[in-house]
Amino acid sequence: MNNLPLGVSILFAATTCLTVWLFFTASNKSRPLLIFLLIWMLLQAVIGLSGFYSVKGAFPPRLAFVLGPGLLISVLLFISRRGRRFMDTFLIDKLTILHAIRVPVEITLYFVYTVGLVPLIMTFEGRNLDILSGISAIIIFYIVFRKRKAGDKTLLVWNFLCLGLLINILTIAVLAAETPFQMLAFDQPNRGVTIFPLVWLPTVVVPIVLISHLAAIRQLLRKIKHKNA
């Protein structure tokens, strides 16, 4: 049953919309990208509200349909020539500040934990340190792009570290979900990400955050290599 408080739903819906807007601005305001994201959000909302993702005991587990498409798109963008060209058009300063949305995401997850829809280990009081990515994004943006007191190498290291934190919480979320592969949080499994609007976390927000890291890392590696050539 969805017992998510209305305020939490509004907070997360607003966070998702802000994430999409920041990603749109980072893409040099690519209208095709914005249209795709809005259609994708609508589709995921309809599926989430239908209860499809919440069905237990299905094979393959419905979690695969929650995480799979977004992660596949992220990988395809990175490995395809056309995708890499597109990622090279992103504005790296805007990609950096985008990660500040991870703060309200983590606050949302904590509230979702309090109503029993995700386990404690998925919050900042457990094993999820991703809130540090959001807080540090503001600091890094300020010292790199405003004060110019740090450069590309600092930004590159930060992106790798925060990518590691993202992978950490993704791993925890998968292992805590009610699937045949569940290994964590049997007393309070990860059910929240299968309901609306939280379904936007794995289907919209996580892929955007992942692509933002990959695009920034690619640009920075190329820039550093060019400087050292």
Protein backbone atom coordinates (compact mmCIF):
# COMPACT_ATOMS: atom_id res chain seq x y z
CA MET A 1 0.00 0.00 0.00
CA ASN A 2 1.20 3.52 -0.82
CA ASN A 3 1.25 5.40 2.48
CA LEU A 4 3.61 8.10 1.25
CA PRO A 5 2.76 11.49 2.80
CA LEU A 6 1.55 14.11 0.32
CA GLY A 7 4.31 16.54 1.32
CA VAL A 8 7.00 13.96 0.53
CA SER A 9 5.41 13.22 -2.83
CA ILE A 10 5.34 16.92 -3.67
CA LEU A 11 8.96 17.36 -2.54
CA PHE A 12 10.18 14.52 -4.69
CA ALA A 13 8.07 15.48 -7.72
CA ALA A 14 9.50 19.00 -7.50
CA THR A 15 13.03 17.60 -7.15
CA THR A 16 12.55 15.46 -10.26
CA CYS A 17 11.26 18.40 -12.27
CA LEU A 18 14.22 20.51 -11.12
CA THR A 19 16.60 17.71 -12.12
CA VAL A 20 15.11 17.55 -15.60
CA TRP A 21 15.28 21.35 -15.96
CA LEU A 22 18.93 21.50 -14.87
CA PHE A 23 19.80 18.67 -17.26
CA PHE A 24 17.98 20.51 -20.04
CA THR A 25 19.97 23.69 -19.38
CA ALA A 26 23.22 21.68 -19.19
CA SER A 27 22.47 20.26 -22.65
CA ASN A 28 22.48 23.77 -24.15
CA LYS A 29 18.68 23.63 -23.93
CA SER A 30 18.20 20.75 -26.33
CA ARG A 31 14.48 20.69 -27.08
CA PRO A 32 14.47 17.09 -28.35
CA LEU A 33 16.02 16.03 -25.06
CA LEU A 34 13.43 17.93 -23.03
CA ILE A 35 10.57 16.47 -25.06
CA PHE A 36 11.96 12.96 -24.62
CA LEU A 37 12.36 13.44 -20.86
CA LEU A 38 8.84 14.79 -20.41
CA ILE A 39 7.34 11.90 -22.37
CA TRP A 40 9.49 9.45 -20.41
CA MET A 41 8.35 10.96 -17.11
CA LEU A 42 4.72 10.72 -18.16
CA LEU A 43 5.15 7.09 -19.25
CA GLN A 44 6.83 6.14 -15.97
CA ALA A 45 4.12 7.94 -14.00
CA VAL A 46 1.40 5.95 -15.77
CA ILE A 47 3.23 2.64 -15.24
CA GLY A 48 3.96 3.48 -11.60
CA LEU A 49 0.36 4.41 -10.90
CA SER A 50 -0.86 1.21 -12.57
CA GLY A 51 0.97 -0.88 -9.96
CA PHE A 52 2.96 -2.80 -12.60
CA TYR A 53 6.29 -2.26 -10.85
CA SER A 54 4.91 -3.34 -7.46
CA VAL A 55 3.92 -6.88 -8.48
CA LYS A 56 5.78 -9.40 -6.32
CA GLY A 57 7.07 -12.75 -7.48
CA ALA A 58 7.13 -11.87 -11.19
CA PHE A 59 9.95 -13.16 -13.38
CA PRO A 60 12.00 -11.36 -14.39
CA PRO A 61 11.63 -9.18 -11.27
CA ARG A 62 9.83 -5.92 -12.02
CA LEU A 63 12.84 -4.05 -10.59
CA ALA A 64 14.63 -4.93 -13.83
CA PHE A 65 12.10 -2.82 -15.72
CA VAL A 66 12.51 0.01 -13.22
CA LEU A 67 16.29 0.25 -13.47
CA GLY A 68 17.11 -1.42 -16.78
CA PRO A 69 15.91 1.05 -19.45
CA GLY A 70 17.46 4.15 -17.89
CA LEU A 71 20.79 2.46 -17.26
CA LEU A 72 20.79 0.99 -20.77
CA ILE A 73 20.23 4.43 -22.30
CA SER A 74 23.09 5.80 -20.17
CA VAL A 75 25.47 3.09 -21.35
CA LEU A 76 24.42 3.44 -25.00
CA LEU A 77 25.07 7.17 -24.89
CA PHE A 78 28.57 6.53 -23.61
CA ILE A 79 29.53 3.74 -26.01
CA SER A 80 27.93 5.03 -29.21
CA ARG A 81 29.67 7.62 -31.38
CA ARG A 82 26.53 9.71 -31.71
CA GLY A 83 25.92 9.53 -27.98
CA ARG A 84 29.45 10.63 -27.17
CA ARG A 85 29.15 13.58 -29.55
CA PHE A 86 25.96 14.59 -27.80
CA MET A 87 27.57 14.33 -24.34
CA ASP A 88 30.42 16.54 -25.52
CA THR A 89 27.94 19.39 -26.03
CA PHE A 90 26.97 19.52 -22.36
CA LEU A 91 28.08 22.46 -20.21
CA ILE A 92 30.30 21.07 -17.50
CA ASP A 93 29.59 23.81 -14.96
CA LYS A 94 25.86 23.14 -15.17
CA LEU A 95 26.47 19.38 -15.00
CA THR A 96 28.33 20.00 -11.74
CA ILE A 97 25.70 22.09 -9.97
CA LEU A 98 23.03 19.62 -11.11
CA HIS A 99 24.30 17.18 -8.48
CA ALA A 100 23.05 19.49 -5.72
CA ILE A 101 19.65 17.84 -6.26
CA ARG A 102 21.05 14.80 -4.48
CA VAL A 103 20.46 16.64 -1.19
CA PRO A 104 16.63 16.79 -1.49
CA VAL A 105 16.70 13.26 -2.94
CA GLU A 106 18.38 11.97 0.21
CA ILE A 107 16.05 13.96 2.46
CA THR A 108 13.14 12.37 0.60
CA LEU A 109 14.59 8.89 1.07
CA TYR A 110 14.85 9.47 4.80
CA PHE A 111 11.17 10.45 5.01
CA VAL A 112 10.29 7.42 2.90
CA TYR A 113 12.21 5.25 5.38
CA THR A 114 10.15 6.65 8.27
CA VAL A 115 6.95 5.35 6.65
CA GLY A 116 8.43 1.90 6.04
CA LEU A 117 8.94 1.96 2.27
CA VAL A 118 12.75 1.77 2.17
CA PRO A 119 15.27 0.38 4.68
CA LEU A 120 17.48 2.48 6.94
CA ILE A 121 20.62 1.42 5.01
CA MET A 122 19.30 3.33 1.99
CA THR A 123 19.39 6.63 3.94
CA PHE A 124 22.16 8.91 5.16
CA GLU A 125 21.76 7.35 8.61
CA GLY A 126 22.66 3.98 7.08
CA ARG A 127 25.13 3.15 4.32
CA ASN A 128 24.06 5.80 1.84
CA LEU A 129 26.57 8.66 1.74
CA ASP A 130 25.25 10.15 -1.48
CA ILE A 131 24.11 13.30 0.32
CA LEU A 132 27.81 14.22 0.43
CA SER A 133 27.75 14.40 -3.36
CA GLY A 134 24.96 16.96 -3.25
CA ILE A 135 26.58 19.10 -0.56
CA SER A 136 30.04 18.96 -2.15
CA ALA A 137 28.58 19.80 -5.59
CA ILE A 138 27.77 23.29 -4.33
CA ILE A 139 31.26 23.69 -2.86
CA ILE A 140 33.03 22.33 -5.94
CA PHE A 141 30.95 24.51 -8.25
CA TYR A 142 31.91 27.57 -6.20
CA ILE A 143 35.66 26.93 -5.96
CA VAL A 144 36.09 25.66 -9.53
CA PHE A 145 33.75 27.85 -11.57
CA ARG A 146 33.32 30.95 -9.41
CA LYS A 147 36.58 31.43 -7.51
CA ARG A 148 38.76 29.49 -9.98
CA LYS A 149 40.79 28.10 -7.07
CA ALA A 150 40.71 24.51 -8.37
CA GLY A 151 40.97 23.03 -11.84
CA ASP A 152 40.08 20.14 -14.08
CA LYS A 153 41.94 17.49 -12.10
CA THR A 154 40.10 18.37 -8.90
CA LEU A 155 36.79 18.26 -10.76
CA LEU A 156 37.69 14.92 -12.33
CA VAL A 157 38.55 13.32 -8.99
CA TRP A 158 35.34 14.67 -7.48
CA ASN A 159 33.27 13.20 -10.34
CA PHE A 160 34.86 9.78 -9.89
CA LEU A 161 34.29 9.84 -6.11
CA CYS A 162 30.65 10.86 -6.47
CA LEU A 163 30.13 8.28 -9.20
CA GLY A 164 31.36 5.72 -6.69
CA LEU A 165 28.81 6.94 -4.14
CA LEU A 166 26.07 6.61 -6.76
CA ILE A 167 27.10 3.04 -7.55
CA ASN A 168 27.14 2.29 -3.83
CA ILE A 169 23.52 3.31 -3.24
CA LEU A 170 22.38 1.64 -6.46
CA THR A 171 23.92 -1.62 -5.27
CA ILE A 172 22.27 -1.30 -1.86
CA ALA A 173 18.90 -0.49 -3.44
CA VAL A 174 19.05 -3.55 -5.68
CA LEU A 175 20.16 -5.92 -2.91
CA ALA A 176 17.44 -4.58 -0.59
CA ALA A 177 14.59 -4.97 -3.10
CA GLU A 178 12.09 -7.81 -2.89
CA THR A 179 13.52 -10.04 -5.59
CA PRO A 180 14.96 -13.58 -5.65
CA PHE A 181 18.37 -11.90 -5.30
CA GLN A 182 17.55 -9.93 -2.13
CA MET A 183 20.46 -9.96 0.34
CA LEU A 184 19.71 -6.97 2.60
CA ALA A 185 16.93 -5.41 4.67
CA PHE A 186 14.56 -8.38 4.91
CA ASP A 187 12.69 -6.68 7.78
CA GLN A 188 11.99 -3.52 5.75
CA PRO A 189 12.71 -4.07 2.05
CA ASN A 190 13.07 -1.46 -0.66
CA ARG A 191 9.50 -1.05 -1.92
CA GLY A 192 9.33 2.71 -2.28
CA VAL A 193 11.01 3.06 -5.67
CA THR A 194 8.24 1.05 -7.34
CA ILE A 195 5.47 3.54 -6.54
CA PHE A 196 4.66 6.96 -7.97
CA PRO A 197 6.27 9.49 -7.76
CA LEU A 198 9.31 7.71 -6.27
CA VAL A 199 9.49 5.57 -9.40
CA TRP A 200 11.01 8.66 -11.02
CA LEU A 201 14.12 8.15 -8.86
CA PRO A 202 15.46 5.04 -10.66
CA THR A 203 13.84 5.82 -14.02
CA VAL A 204 14.60 9.54 -14.38
CA VAL A 205 16.84 11.02 -11.68
CA VAL A 206 19.44 8.24 -11.44
CA PRO A 207 20.05 8.02 -15.22
CA ILE A 208 20.40 11.82 -15.40
CA VAL A 209 22.89 11.84 -12.53
CA LEU A 210 24.82 8.95 -14.09
CA ILE A 211 24.94 10.57 -17.54
CA SER A 212 26.02 13.86 -15.95
CA HIS A 213 29.01 12.13 -14.36
CA LEU A 214 29.92 10.22 -17.52
CA ALA A 215 29.69 13.32 -19.71
CA ALA A 216 31.79 15.37 -17.30
CA ILE A 217 34.41 12.64 -16.88
CA ARG A 218 34.71 12.21 -20.65
CA GLN A 219 35.11 15.94 -21.25
CA LEU A 220 37.63 16.35 -18.44
CA LEU A 221 39.76 13.38 -19.51
CA ARG A 222 39.92 14.71 -23.06
CA LYS A 223 40.73 18.23 -21.85
CA ILE A 224 43.50 17.06 -19.53
CA LYS A 225 44.95 14.80 -22.22
CA HIS A 226 44.95 17.69 -24.71
CA LYS A 227 46.75 19.94 -22.20
CA ASN A 228 49.41 17.31 -21.58
CA ALA A 229 49.93 16.51 -25.28
